[in-house]
C-alpha cells in the first residue's frame, strides 16, 4: 500500500478553500493507497502520485469524484429549498462535513479524446444528467445495468470508457474493488437506493418533503460511515 489512509481527515483541510477533488494532496494520496491493489483477475493496478496507471492492461488516468451531495448550496428548484429548510441547519452541516471524508469519494477516468474531440467524463455526465442529478446510488445502478448489458441514462458516457469497466470483470468485482458493498444488497443483485427508486422516471432530487430530504441525508450518512469503517478494516488488513 503506497501510503496511509485517515478516514477522519477532512479533505477540505489542505485544499485551501478549493475543490478537494482537484486540490487536496491528502485525498489524492488516499486514493492512491486504496486503489493500488490487485484487480479481480490478479494483475495489480498500481497508481502513481497523479493517479495514473500504465501497464499491459492499458493506460488509465483517473480523477477523484465526490459521491455524496447535500444539495445545500442550491437555491433552486424551490421545492428542494423548501424541503431542505425543513431540516435543521446543524444537521445539514454535519452531513456536509461527513461528505468531506474519504468514504465519500471514489475515482473515475478523466475525459478521453476520440476522433479529435474531448468526450464527456463519467463524473461530468452523472452531474449533468437530469435523471441522475449527481447521485451516486443512481450512478451505481447505471454501472450495474452496464455490466448486465441493460440500457441506462449514462450509457452515452460509459461507451467511451469500456477498458475501465473491463478491469473489474463484472458488477460484484467493481463493487468489491471500490469497497461499495454497503450500497448494494448482499447478493449484488440490487442497489440500496437513498430514496425510493422508480426506474429513473422522477427527478433525482430529494425535494418532495422535508421527510424525503431527511431520508436521503440519513441513508447517505449511514453509507459514508459504513464505507469509512470498511476502508479502515481494509487498511488494517493490508
Foldseek 3Di string as FASTA:
>chain_A
DQDDFDQLDQQVPQQVPDDSQPRRLNLLVNQQVQQQQAAPVGDTQHADSQRWGDDPLHTFGKTKDFQDDLCPPDPDDVLLVQLQVVDDPVLSVVLVRLSRGNLRMHMFTDFDDDPNRTADTLRRQLCPDQLRVSHVLLVLVCQQCVQVVHDHSCVVRCVVPPSVNVRQPHSVSVCVSGVQVLQADPVNPHGNDQADDDRSPDGPRQRPHNVSSVSSSVSSSVRSVVSSVVSVVVSVVD
